[in-house]
Each structure stands twice: as C-alpha cells, then as structure tokens.
Amino acid sequence: MKEFDYINQHYGVNACIGRKVVVDGKSGIISAGRGNYIGVNFDSDKPGTISNCHPTWRVQYGEIGKVRMPTKSQQRYQRFLEYGDCFDSFISFCRWDALPEREWNGVKA
C-alpha cells in the first residue's frame, strides 16, 4: 500500500493494514499508516484506539488478520473531534450528525 511504501523501503519491513504484530510483547494489528510510524490497535485496547509505534522497535510482524472496527459511538466521537468546533454544544453536533443525508448514515444522495 502506498501509505506504507516509505516504511517498508526505509526499514525493510512488510507493514500493511491488517498485518498482525507483537510490539514489546503486546499483540495487535496494524490499523493505520501514521507517516513514519505504524498505527497499531492492540488486542487489549478498544477497537479504533490506535497507538503510534516505530516500525522496528521491538516489533515482530506476523500474518494478515482482521482489523477490528470502532463502535458507532467511537466513530461519532471521532467525527466530533473533527467537526465539533463548528457547534455550540454536543447535542447540536449530534443532531447534525444524525441527519439522513450524512454519508456515514448510509443514505445515498
């Protein structure tokens, strides 16, 4: 994947979304590219919680696994972090977020 080209070429690893890893003894799965880092969702964390990890510091790469998806409320909170400054309250954001025309609500325009 393009987002991991630099990491894979520079560090000589095989990082990609869905790759199982063990970082400093903690197992997880690569869920995001984070520039010079791999974004790992550790098995002990909630889905969607991503930690930045150096691609070679105490990392063992494994086979491909399945990325755990964040819950609906975690997804909404991430959108709030992105768009929330535009609203005077969280409830105002929630009303806006729940409108059927929002792409994340599954209604095609």
PDB file of N, CA and C in Angstrom:
ATOM      1  N   MET A   1       0.842  -1.178   0.000  1.00  0.00           N
ATOM      2  CA  MET A   1       0.000   0.000   0.000  1.00  0.00           C
ATOM      3  C   MET A   1       0.885   1.237   0.000  1.00  0.00           C
ATOM      4  N   LYS A   2       0.407   2.261  -0.646  1.00  0.00           N
ATOM      5  CA  LYS A   2       1.184   3.482  -0.766  1.00  0.00           C
ATOM      6  C   LYS A   2       1.547   4.113   0.571  1.00  0.00           C
ATOM      7  N   GLU A   3       0.625   4.066   1.531  1.00  0.00           N
ATOM      8  CA  GLU A   3       0.896   4.720   2.802  1.00  0.00           C
ATOM      9  C   GLU A   3       2.027   4.054   3.579  1.00  0.00           C
ATOM     10  N   PHE A   4       2.386   2.841   3.217  1.00  0.00           N
ATOM     11  CA  PHE A   4       3.461   2.136   3.905  1.00  0.00           C
ATOM     12  C   PHE A   4       4.714   2.000   3.050  1.00  0.00           C
ATOM     13  N   ASP A   5       4.736   2.583   1.843  1.00  0.00           N
ATOM     14  CA  ASP A   5       5.892   2.459   0.953  1.00  0.00           C
ATOM     15  C   ASP A   5       7.181   2.928   1.619  1.00  0.00           C
ATOM     16  N   TYR A   6       7.141   4.123   2.240  1.00  0.00           N
ATOM     17  CA  TYR A   6       8.347   4.660   2.872  1.00  0.00           C
ATOM     18  C   TYR A   6       8.819   3.736   3.995  1.00  0.00           C
ATOM     19  N   ILE A   7       7.901   3.343   4.856  1.00  0.00           N
ATOM     20  CA  ILE A   7       8.257   2.481   5.990  1.00  0.00           C
ATOM     21  C   ILE A   7       8.866   1.176   5.499  1.00  0.00           C
ATOM     22  N   ASN A   8       8.212   0.547   4.538  1.00  0.00           N
ATOM     23  CA  ASN A   8       8.685  -0.745   4.036  1.00  0.00           C
ATOM     24  C   ASN A   8      10.043  -0.638   3.352  1.00  0.00           C
ATOM     25  N   GLN A   9      10.245   0.414   2.575  1.00  0.00           N
ATOM     26  CA  GLN A   9      11.524   0.585   1.884  1.00  0.00           C
ATOM     27  C   GLN A   9      12.631   1.021   2.832  1.00  0.00           C
ATOM     28  N   HIS A  10      12.331   1.976   3.706  1.00  0.00           N
ATOM     29  CA  HIS A  10      13.350   2.545   4.590  1.00  0.00           C
ATOM     30  C   HIS A  10      13.767   1.574   5.696  1.00  0.00           C
ATOM     31  N   TYR A  11      12.794   0.863   6.266  1.00  0.00           N
ATOM     32  CA  TYR A  11      13.084  -0.019   7.401  1.00  0.00           C
ATOM     33  C   TYR A  11      13.170  -1.494   7.025  1.00  0.00           C
ATOM     34  N   GLY A  12      12.823  -1.822   5.778  1.00  0.00           N
ATOM     35  CA  GLY A  12      12.909  -3.203   5.324  1.00  0.00           C
ATOM     36  C   GLY A  12      11.926  -4.132   6.018  1.00  0.00           C
ATOM     37  N   VAL A  13      10.716  -3.636   6.283  1.00  0.00           N
ATOM     38  CA  VAL A  13       9.683  -4.445   6.920  1.00  0.00           C
ATOM     39  C   VAL A  13       8.547  -4.672   5.924  1.00  0.00           C
ATOM     40  N   ASN A  14       7.532  -5.406   6.341  1.00  0.00           N
ATOM     41  CA  ASN A  14       6.392  -5.683   5.482  1.00  0.00           C
ATOM     42  C   ASN A  14       5.113  -5.208   6.172  1.00  0.00           C
ATOM     43  N   ALA A  15       5.024  -3.905   6.419  1.00  0.00           N
ATOM     44  CA  ALA A  15       3.876  -3.331   7.112  1.00  0.00           C
ATOM     45  C   ALA A  15       2.740  -3.092   6.127  1.00  0.00           C
ATOM     46  N   CYS A  16       1.520  -3.377   6.567  1.00  0.00           N
ATOM     47  CA  CYS A  16       0.319  -3.081   5.786  1.00  0.00           C
ATOM     48  C   CYS A  16      -0.886  -3.154   6.719  1.00  0.00           C
ATOM     49  N   ILE A  17      -1.992  -2.573   6.287  1.00  0.00           N
ATOM     50  CA  ILE A  17      -3.220  -2.638   7.073  1.00  0.00           C
ATOM     51  C   ILE A  17      -3.610  -4.103   7.239  1.00  0.00           C
ATOM     52  N   GLY A  18      -3.893  -4.496   8.468  1.00  0.00           N
ATOM     53  CA  GLY A  18      -4.316  -5.857   8.742  1.00  0.00           C
ATOM     54  C   GLY A  18      -3.202  -6.800   9.155  1.00  0.00           C
ATOM     55  N   ARG A  19      -1.955  -6.361   9.108  1.00  0.00           N
ATOM     56  CA  ARG A  19      -0.830  -7.228   9.494  1.00  0.00           C
ATOM     57  C   ARG A  19      -0.803  -7.365  11.015  1.00  0.00           C
ATOM     58  N   LYS A  20      -0.773  -8.590  11.508  1.00  0.00           N
ATOM     59  CA  LYS A  20      -0.648  -8.837  12.946  1.00  0.00           C
ATOM     60  C   LYS A  20       0.779  -8.527  13.387  1.00  0.00           C
ATOM     61  N   VAL A  21       0.895  -7.890  14.548  1.00  0.00           N
ATOM     62  CA  VAL A  21       2.213  -7.548  15.090  1.00  0.00           C
ATOM     63  C   VAL A  21       2.233  -7.818  16.588  1.00  0.00           C
ATOM     64  N   VAL A  22       3.432  -7.973  17.102  1.00  0.00           N
ATOM     65  CA  VAL A  22       3.668  -8.003  18.546  1.00  0.00           C
ATOM     66  C   VAL A  22       4.687  -6.905  18.803  1.00  0.00           C
ATOM     67  N   VAL A  23       4.289  -5.898  19.585  1.00  0.00           N
ATOM     68  CA  VAL A  23       5.145  -4.755  19.874  1.00  0.00           C
ATOM     69  C   VAL A  23       5.480  -4.778  21.357  1.00  0.00           C
ATOM     70  N   ASP A  24       6.753  -4.983  21.653  1.00  0.00           N
ATOM     71  CA  ASP A  24       7.211  -5.020  23.044  1.00  0.00           C
ATOM     72  C   ASP A  24       6.373  -5.994  23.878  1.00  0.00           C
ATOM     73  N   GLY A  25       6.028  -7.131  23.285  1.00  0.00           N
ATOM     74  CA  GLY A  25       5.283  -8.157  23.987  1.00  0.00           C
ATOM     75  C   GLY A  25       3.769  -8.027  23.922  1.00  0.00           C
ATOM     76  N   LYS A  26       3.239  -6.930  23.362  1.00  0.00           N
ATOM     77  CA  LYS A  26       1.795  -6.722  23.260  1.00  0.00           C
ATOM     78  C   LYS A  26       1.342  -7.034  21.843  1.00  0.00           C
ATOM     79  N   SER A  27       0.344  -7.904  21.701  1.00  0.00           N
ATOM     80  CA  SER A  27      -0.132  -8.252  20.364  1.00  0.00           C
ATOM     81  C   SER A  27      -1.192  -7.258  19.900  1.00  0.00           C
ATOM     82  N   GLY A  28      -1.215  -7.066  18.592  1.00  0.00           N
ATOM     83  CA  GLY A  28      -2.176  -6.153  17.989  1.00  0.00           C
ATOM     84  C   GLY A  28      -2.196  -6.323  16.488  1.00  0.00           C
ATOM     85  N   ILE A  29      -2.815  -5.361  15.827  1.00  0.00           N
ATOM     86  CA  ILE A  29      -2.921  -5.411  14.383  1.00  0.00           C
ATOM     87  C   ILE A  29      -2.730  -4.003  13.824  1.00  0.00           C
ATOM     88  N   ILE A  30      -2.033  -3.890  12.706  1.00  0.00           N
ATOM     89  CA  ILE A  30      -1.808  -2.581  12.093  1.00  0.00           C
ATOM     90  C   ILE A  30      -3.128  -2.102  11.509  1.00  0.00           C
ATOM     91  N   SER A  31      -3.569  -0.924  11.965  1.00  0.00           N
ATOM     92  CA  SER A  31      -4.862  -0.391  11.549  1.00  0.00           C
ATOM     93  C   SER A  31      -4.753   0.914  10.781  1.00  0.00           C
ATOM     94  N   ALA A  32      -3.542   1.511  10.747  1.00  0.00           N
ATOM     95  CA  ALA A  32      -3.389   2.794  10.060  1.00  0.00           C
ATOM     96  C   ALA A  32      -1.918   3.056   9.764  1.00  0.00           C
ATOM     97  N   GLY A  33      -1.692   3.811   8.711  1.00  0.00           N
ATOM     98  CA  GLY A  33      -0.366   4.350   8.443  1.00  0.00           C
ATOM     99  C   GLY A  33      -0.274   5.701   9.121  1.00  0.00           C
ATOM    100  N   ARG A  34       0.789   5.955   9.813  1.00  0.00           N
ATOM    101  CA  ARG A  34       0.953   7.207  10.555  1.00  0.00           C
ATOM    102  C   ARG A  34       2.279   7.866  10.206  1.00  0.00           C
ATOM    103  N   GLY A  35       2.502   8.113   8.913  1.00  0.00           N
ATOM    104  CA  GLY A  35       3.747   8.736   8.487  1.00  0.00           C
ATOM    105  C   GLY A  35       4.905   7.778   8.642  1.00  0.00           C
ATOM    106  N   ASN A  36       5.822   8.085   9.558  1.00  0.00           N
ATOM    107  CA  ASN A  36       6.971   7.223   9.803  1.00  0.00           C
ATOM    108  C   ASN A  36       6.667   6.123  10.809  1.00  0.00           C
ATOM    109  N   TYR A  37       5.438   6.058  11.280  1.00  0.00           N
ATOM    110  CA  TYR A  37       5.048   5.080  12.291  1.00  0.00           C
ATOM    111  C   TYR A  37       3.958   4.151  11.748  1.00  0.00           C
ATOM    112  N   ILE A  38       3.790   3.015  12.434  1.00  0.00           N
ATOM    113  CA  ILE A  38       2.653   2.155  12.144  1.00  0.00           C
ATOM    114  C   ILE A  38       1.608   2.405  13.224  1.00  0.00           C
ATOM    115  N   GLY A  39       0.354   2.485  12.828  1.00  0.00           N
ATOM    116  CA  GLY A  39      -0.743   2.673  13.773  1.00  0.00           C
ATOM    117  C   GLY A  39      -1.285   1.318  14.179  1.00  0.00           C
ATOM    118  N   VAL A  40      -1.113   0.960  15.446  1.00  0.00           N
ATOM    119  CA  VAL A  40      -1.470  -0.374  15.921  1.00  0.00           C
ATOM    120  C   VAL A  40      -2.654  -0.295  16.872  1.00  0.00           C
ATOM    121  N   ASN A  41      -3.654  -1.152  16.630  1.00  0.00           N
ATOM    122  CA  ASN A  41      -4.740  -1.355  17.577  1.00  0.00           C
ATOM    123  C   ASN A  41      -4.394  -2.613  18.359  1.00  0.00           C
ATOM    124  N   PHE A  42      -3.982  -2.424  19.609  1.00  0.00           N
ATOM    125  CA  PHE A  42      -3.591  -3.558  20.436  1.00  0.00           C
ATOM    126  C   PHE A  42      -4.835  -4.344  20.864  1.00  0.00           C
ATOM    127  N   ASP A  43      -4.674  -5.645  21.018  1.00  0.00           N
ATOM    128  CA  ASP A  43      -5.781  -6.515  21.404  1.00  0.00           C
ATOM    129  C   ASP A  43      -6.382  -6.099  22.740  1.00  0.00           C
ATOM    130  N   SER A  44      -5.582  -5.512  23.611  1.00  0.00           N
ATOM    131  CA  SER A  44      -6.060  -5.102  24.936  1.00  0.00           C
ATOM    132  C   SER A  44      -6.801  -3.765  24.912  1.00  0.00           C
ATOM    133  N   ASP A  45      -6.762  -3.047  23.775  1.00  0.00           N
ATOM    134  CA  ASP A  45      -7.440  -1.758  23.640  1.00  0.00           C
ATOM    135  C   ASP A  45      -8.794  -1.934  22.950  1.00  0.00           C
ATOM    136  N   LYS A  46      -9.632  -0.916  23.065  1.00  0.00           N
ATOM    137  CA  LYS A  46     -10.911  -0.928  22.363  1.00  0.00           C
ATOM    138  C   LYS A  46     -10.652  -0.817  20.862  1.00  0.00           C
ATOM    139  N   PRO A  47     -11.551  -1.354  20.036  1.00  0.00           N
ATOM    140  CA  PRO A  47     -11.421  -1.158  18.593  1.00  0.00           C
ATOM    141  C   PRO A  47     -11.405   0.336  18.274  1.00  0.00           C
ATOM    142  N   GLY A  48     -10.588   0.728  17.341  1.00  0.00           N
ATOM    143  CA  GLY A  48     -10.487   2.136  16.966  1.00  0.00           C
ATOM    144  C   GLY A  48      -9.457   2.908  17.748  1.00  0.00           C
ATOM    145  N   THR A  49      -8.941   2.363  18.839  1.00  0.00           N
ATOM    146  CA  THR A  49      -7.869   3.010  19.591  1.00  0.00           C
ATOM    147  C   THR A  49      -6.559   2.632  18.921  1.00  0.00           C
ATOM    148  N   ILE A  50      -5.885   3.629  18.374  1.00  0.00           N
ATOM    149  CA  ILE A  50      -4.680   3.365  17.588  1.00  0.00           C
ATOM    150  C   ILE A  50      -3.483   4.038  18.249  1.00  0.00           C
ATOM    151  N   SER A  51      -2.433   3.264  18.454  1.00  0.00           N
ATOM    152  CA  SER A  51      -1.192   3.768  19.047  1.00  0.00           C
ATOM    153  C   SER A  51      -0.117   3.848  17.980  1.00  0.00           C
ATOM    154  N   ASN A  52       0.640   4.938  17.997  1.00  0.00           N
ATOM    155  CA  ASN A  52       1.769   5.068  17.073  1.00  0.00           C
ATOM    156  C   ASN A  52       2.934   4.230  17.582  1.00  0.00           C
ATOM    157  N   CYS A  53       3.496   3.404  16.702  1.00  0.00           N
ATOM    158  CA  CYS A  53       4.623   2.549  17.068  1.00  0.00           C
ATOM    159  C   CYS A  53       5.707   2.665  16.000  1.00  0.00           C
ATOM    160  N   HIS A  54       6.955   2.669  16.436  1.00  0.00           N
ATOM    161  CA  HIS A  54       8.064   2.676  15.491  1.00  0.00           C
ATOM    162  C   HIS A  54       8.082   1.332  14.767  1.00  0.00           C
ATOM    163  N   PRO A  55       8.327   1.319  13.468  1.00  0.00           N
ATOM    164  CA  PRO A  55       8.227   0.074  12.698  1.00  0.00           C
ATOM    165  C   PRO A  55       9.237  -1.007  13.061  1.00  0.00           C
ATOM    166  N   THR A  56      10.320  -0.664  13.754  1.00  0.00           N
ATOM    167  CA  THR A  56      11.323  -1.689  14.058  1.00  0.00           C
ATOM    168  C   THR A  56      11.600  -1.857  15.545  1.00  0.00           C
ATOM    169  N   TRP A  57      11.074  -0.973  16.398  1.00  0.00           N
ATOM    170  CA  TRP A  57      11.399  -1.054  17.817  1.00  0.00           C
ATOM    171  C   TRP A  57      10.598  -2.181  18.463  1.00  0.00           C
ATOM    172  N   ARG A  58      11.268  -3.312  18.714  1.00  0.00           N
ATOM    173  CA  ARG A  58      10.675  -4.467  19.384  1.00  0.00           C
ATOM    174  C   ARG A  58       9.386  -4.930  18.704  1.00  0.00           C
ATOM    175  N   VAL A  59       9.372  -4.917  17.361  1.00  0.00           N
ATOM    176  CA  VAL A  59       8.188  -5.321  16.602  1.00  0.00           C
ATOM    177  C   VAL A  59       8.456  -6.645  15.911  1.00  0.00           C
ATOM    178  N   GLN A  60       7.532  -7.567  16.062  1.00  0.00           N
ATOM    179  CA  GLN A  60       7.550  -8.820  15.310  1.00  0.00           C
ATOM    180  C   GLN A  60       6.333  -8.797  14.403  1.00  0.00           C
ATOM    181  N   TYR A  61       6.559  -9.007  13.105  1.00  0.00           N
ATOM    182  CA  TYR A  61       5.474  -8.989  12.130  1.00  0.00           C
ATOM    183  C   TYR A  61       4.953 -10.400  11.910  1.00  0.00           C
ATOM    184  N   GLY A  62       3.644 -10.543  11.821  1.00  0.00           N
ATOM    185  CA  GLY A  62       3.017 -11.832  11.599  1.00  0.00           C
ATOM    186  C   GLY A  62       2.208 -11.852  10.317  1.00  0.00           C
ATOM    187  N   GLU A  63       1.220 -12.736  10.295  1.00  0.00           N
ATOM    188  CA  GLU A  63       0.389 -12.861   9.104  1.00  0.00           C
ATOM    189  C   GLU A  63      -0.701 -11.795   9.092  1.00  0.00           C
ATOM    190  N   ILE A  64      -1.541 -11.854   8.076  1.00  0.00           N
ATOM    191  CA  ILE A  64      -2.634 -10.897   7.935  1.00  0.00           C
ATOM    192  C   ILE A  64      -3.800 -11.340   8.812  1.00  0.00           C
ATOM    193  N   GLY A  65      -4.408 -10.382   9.493  1.00  0.00           N
ATOM    194  CA  GLY A  65      -5.574 -10.638  10.332  1.00  0.00           C
ATOM    195  C   GLY A  65      -6.698  -9.690   9.951  1.00  0.00           C
ATOM    196  N   LYS A  66      -7.655  -9.550  10.831  1.00  0.00           N
ATOM    197  CA  LYS A  66      -8.812  -8.694  10.584  1.00  0.00           C
ATOM    198  C   LYS A  66      -8.766  -7.490  11.510  1.00  0.00           C
ATOM    199  N   VAL A  67      -8.908  -6.302  10.932  1.00  0.00           N
ATOM    200  CA  VAL A  67      -8.923  -5.064  11.708  1.00  0.00           C
ATOM    201  C   VAL A  67     -10.278  -4.954  12.404  1.00  0.00           C
ATOM    202  N   ARG A  68     -10.239  -4.712  13.717  1.00  0.00           N
ATOM    203  CA  ARG A  68     -11.481  -4.518  14.469  1.00  0.00           C
ATOM    204  C   ARG A  68     -11.978  -3.095  14.225  1.00  0.00           C
ATOM    205  N   MET A  69     -13.230  -2.981  13.863  1.00  0.00           N
ATOM    206  CA  MET A  69     -13.819  -1.673  13.569  1.00  0.00           C
ATOM    207  C   MET A  69     -14.279  -0.999  14.858  1.00  0.00           C
ATOM    208  N   PRO A  70     -14.134   0.337  14.919  1.00  0.00           N
ATOM    209  CA  PRO A  70     -14.636   1.054  16.092  1.00  0.00           C
ATOM    210  C   PRO A  70     -16.161   0.970  16.158  1.00  0.00           C
ATOM    211  N   THR A  71     -16.704   1.098  17.363  1.00  0.00           N
ATOM    212  CA  THR A  71     -18.153   1.094  17.537  1.00  0.00           C
ATOM    213  C   THR A  71     -18.743   2.364  16.932  1.00  0.00           C
ATOM    214  N   LYS A  72     -20.057   2.395  16.780  1.00  0.00           N
ATOM    215  CA  LYS A  72     -20.740   3.583  16.240  1.00  0.00           C
ATOM    216  C   LYS A  72     -20.462   4.813  17.102  1.00  0.00           C
ATOM    217  N   SER A  73     -20.476   4.642  18.419  1.00  0.00           N
ATOM    218  CA  SER A  73     -20.233   5.794  19.290  1.00  0.00           C
ATOM    219  C   SER A  73     -18.785   6.280  19.185  1.00  0.00           C
ATOM    220  N   GLN A  74     -17.838   5.354  19.012  1.00  0.00           N
ATOM    221  CA  GLN A  74     -16.445   5.763  18.813  1.00  0.00           C
ATOM    222  C   GLN A  74     -16.292   6.514  17.492  1.00  0.00           C
ATOM    223  N   GLN A  75     -16.978   6.044  16.457  1.00  0.00           N
ATOM    224  CA  GLN A  75     -16.929   6.730  15.162  1.00  0.00           C
ATOM    225  C   GLN A  75     -17.522   8.130  15.282  1.00  0.00           C
ATOM    226  N   ARG A  76     -18.655   8.251  15.999  1.00  0.00           N
ATOM    227  CA  ARG A  76     -19.280   9.564  16.184  1.00  0.00           C
ATOM    228  C   ARG A  76     -18.341  10.494  16.959  1.00  0.00           C
ATOM    229  N   TYR A  77     -17.679   9.977  17.977  1.00  0.00           N
ATOM    230  CA  TYR A  77     -16.748  10.803  18.748  1.00  0.00           C
ATOM    231  C   TYR A  77     -15.586  11.286  17.880  1.00  0.00           C
ATOM    232  N   GLN A  78     -15.078  10.431  17.006  1.00  0.00           N
ATOM    233  CA  GLN A  78     -14.011  10.854  16.099  1.00  0.00           C
ATOM    234  C   GLN A  78     -14.500  11.968  15.171  1.00  0.00           C
ATOM    235  N   ARG A  79     -15.746  11.854  14.686  1.00  0.00           N
ATOM    236  CA  ARG A  79     -16.306  12.938  13.865  1.00  0.00           C
ATOM    237  C   ARG A  79     -16.461  14.203  14.690  1.00  0.00           C
ATOM    238  N   PHE A  80     -16.863  14.069  15.972  1.00  0.00           N
ATOM    239  CA  PHE A  80     -16.985  15.235  16.837  1.00  0.00           C
ATOM    240  C   PHE A  80     -15.636  15.925  16.999  1.00  0.00           C
ATOM    241  N   LEU A  81     -14.575  15.148  17.156  1.00  0.00           N
ATOM    242  CA  LEU A  81     -13.240  15.753  17.254  1.00  0.00           C
ATOM    243  C   LEU A  81     -12.881  16.510  15.981  1.00  0.00           C
ATOM    244  N   GLU A  82     -13.361  16.011  14.857  1.00  0.00           N
ATOM    245  CA  GLU A  82     -13.058  16.659  13.572  1.00  0.00           C
ATOM    246  C   GLU A  82     -13.939  17.884  13.317  1.00  0.00           C
ATOM    247  N   TYR A  83     -15.249  17.785  13.586  1.00  0.00           N
ATOM    248  CA  TYR A  83     -16.200  18.839  13.227  1.00  0.00           C
ATOM    249  C   TYR A  83     -16.742  19.630  14.414  1.00  0.00           C
ATOM    250  N   GLY A  84     -16.512  19.179  15.637  1.00  0.00           N
ATOM    251  CA  GLY A  84     -17.173  19.713  16.814  1.00  0.00           C
ATOM    252  C   GLY A  84     -17.002  21.195  17.076  1.00  0.00           C
ATOM    253  N   ASP A  85     -15.906  21.795  16.627  1.00  0.00           N
ATOM    254  CA  ASP A  85     -15.677  23.224  16.871  1.00  0.00           C
ATOM    255  C   ASP A  85     -16.718  24.100  16.185  1.00  0.00           C
ATOM    256  N   CYS A  86     -17.430  23.555  15.236  1.00  0.00           N
ATOM    257  CA  CYS A  86     -18.430  24.330  14.485  1.00  0.00           C
ATOM    258  C   CYS A  86     -19.768  24.419  15.215  1.00  0.00           C
ATOM    259  N   PHE A  87     -19.912  23.762  16.358  1.00  0.00           N
ATOM    260  CA  PHE A  87     -21.193  23.679  17.055  1.00  0.00           C
ATOM    261  C   PHE A  87     -21.079  24.276  18.451  1.00  0.00           C
ATOM    262  N   ASP A  88     -22.221  24.802  18.939  1.00  0.00           N
ATOM    263  CA  ASP A  88     -22.207  25.411  20.265  1.00  0.00           C
ATOM    264  C   ASP A  88     -22.408  24.404  21.389  1.00  0.00           C
ATOM    265  N   SER A  89     -22.816  23.176  21.052  1.00  0.00           N
ATOM    266  CA  SER A  89     -22.972  22.142  22.073  1.00  0.00           C
ATOM    267  C   SER A  89     -22.831  20.764  21.428  1.00  0.00           C
ATOM    268  N   PHE A  90     -22.621  19.771  22.268  1.00  0.00           N
ATOM    269  CA  PHE A  90     -22.503  18.410  21.761  1.00  0.00           C
ATOM    270  C   PHE A  90     -23.833  17.931  21.189  1.00  0.00           C
ATOM    271  N   ILE A  91     -24.930  18.317  21.820  1.00  0.00           N
ATOM    272  CA  ILE A  91     -26.247  17.885  21.321  1.00  0.00           C
ATOM    273  C   ILE A  91     -26.523  18.486  19.947  1.00  0.00           C
ATOM    274  N   SER A  92     -26.076  19.706  19.708  1.00  0.00           N
ATOM    275  CA  SER A  92     -26.227  20.304  18.372  1.00  0.00           C
ATOM    276  C   SER A  92     -25.438  19.494  17.351  1.00  0.00           C
ATOM    277  N   PHE A  93     -24.245  19.101  17.732  1.00  0.00           N
ATOM    278  CA  PHE A  93     -23.452  18.252  16.839  1.00  0.00           C
ATOM    279  C   PHE A  93     -24.179  16.930  16.579  1.00  0.00           C
ATOM    280  N   CYS A  94     -24.733  16.301  17.629  1.00  0.00           N
ATOM    281  CA  CYS A  94     -25.407  15.010  17.478  1.00  0.00           C
ATOM    282  C   CYS A  94     -26.594  15.110  16.533  1.00  0.00           C
ATOM    283  N   ARG A  95     -27.348  16.199  16.628  1.00  0.00           N
ATOM    284  CA  ARG A  95     -28.482  16.399  15.713  1.00  0.00           C
ATOM    285  C   ARG A  95     -27.988  16.501  14.271  1.00  0.00           C
ATOM    286  N   TRP A  96     -26.948  17.274  14.066  1.00  0.00           N
ATOM    287  CA  TRP A  96     -26.370  17.406  12.725  1.00  0.00           C
ATOM    288  C   TRP A  96     -25.822  16.063  12.236  1.00  0.00           C
ATOM    289  N   ASP A  97     -25.134  15.362  13.113  1.00  0.00           N
ATOM    290  CA  ASP A  97     -24.502  14.091  12.769  1.00  0.00           C
ATOM    291  C   ASP A  97     -25.531  13.026  12.384  1.00  0.00           C
ATOM    292  N   ALA A  98     -26.735  13.107  12.951  1.00  0.00           N
ATOM    293  CA  ALA A  98     -27.765  12.094  12.712  1.00  0.00           C
ATOM    294  C   ALA A  98     -28.611  12.356  11.473  1.00  0.00           C
ATOM    295  N   LEU A  99     -28.406  13.482  10.806  1.00  0.00           N
ATOM    296  CA  LEU A  99     -29.209  13.764   9.612  1.00  0.00           C
ATOM    297  C   LEU A  99     -29.015  12.675   8.562  1.00  0.00           C
ATOM    298  N   PRO A 100     -30.097  12.269   7.913  1.00  0.00           N
ATOM    299  CA  PRO A 100     -30.018  11.153   6.963  1.00  0.00           C
ATOM    300  C   PRO A 100     -29.087  11.403   5.781  1.00  0.00           C
ATOM    301  N   GLU A 101     -28.881  12.646   5.420  1.00  0.00           N
ATOM    302  CA  GLU A 101     -28.032  12.912   4.246  1.00  0.00           C
ATOM    303  C   GLU A 101     -26.531  12.782   4.506  1.00  0.00           C
ATOM    304  N   ARG A 102     -26.140  12.565   5.746  1.00  0.00           N
ATOM    305  CA  ARG A 102     -24.714  12.364   6.049  1.00  0.00           C
ATOM    306  C   ARG A 102     -24.265  11.039   5.461  1.00  0.00           C
ATOM    307  N   GLU A 103     -23.113  11.041   4.806  1.00  0.00           N
ATOM    308  CA  GLU A 103     -22.625   9.837   4.121  1.00  0.00           C
ATOM    309  C   GLU A 103     -22.450   8.656   5.067  1.00  0.00           C
ATOM    310  N   TRP A 104     -22.116   8.900   6.329  1.00  0.00           N
ATOM    311  CA  TRP A 104     -21.898   7.820   7.287  1.00  0.00           C
ATOM    312  C   TRP A 104     -23.210   7.221   7.798  1.00  0.00           C
ATOM    313  N   ASN A 105     -24.348   7.823   7.464  1.00  0.00           N
ATOM    314  CA  ASN A 105     -25.644   7.275   7.867  1.00  0.00           C
ATOM    315  C   ASN A 105     -26.234   6.347   6.809  1.00  0.00           C
ATOM    316  N   GLY A 106     -25.485   6.096   5.761  1.00  0.00           N
ATOM    317  CA  GLY A 106     -25.869   5.082   4.796  1.00  0.00           C
ATOM    318  C   GLY A 106     -26.921   5.456   3.777  1.00  0.00           C
ATOM    319  N   VAL A 107     -27.345   6.721   3.726  1.00  0.00           N
ATOM    320  CA  VAL A 107     -28.341   7.141   2.747  1.00  0.00           C
ATOM    321  C   VAL A 107     -27.619   7.748   1.557  1.00  0.00           C
ATOM    322  N   LYS A 108     -27.906   7.229   0.384  1.00  0.00           N
ATOM    323  CA  LYS A 108     -27.278   7.751  -0.834  1.00  0.00           C
ATOM    324  C   LYS A 108     -28.070   8.960  -1.339  1.00  0.00           C
ATOM    325  N   ALA A 109     -27.340   9.993  -1.718  1.00  0.00           N
ATOM    326  CA  ALA A 109     -27.995  11.216  -2.214  1.00  0.00           C
ATOM    327  C   ALA A 109     -28.413  11.069  -3.654  1.00  0.00           C
TER     328      ALA A 109
END
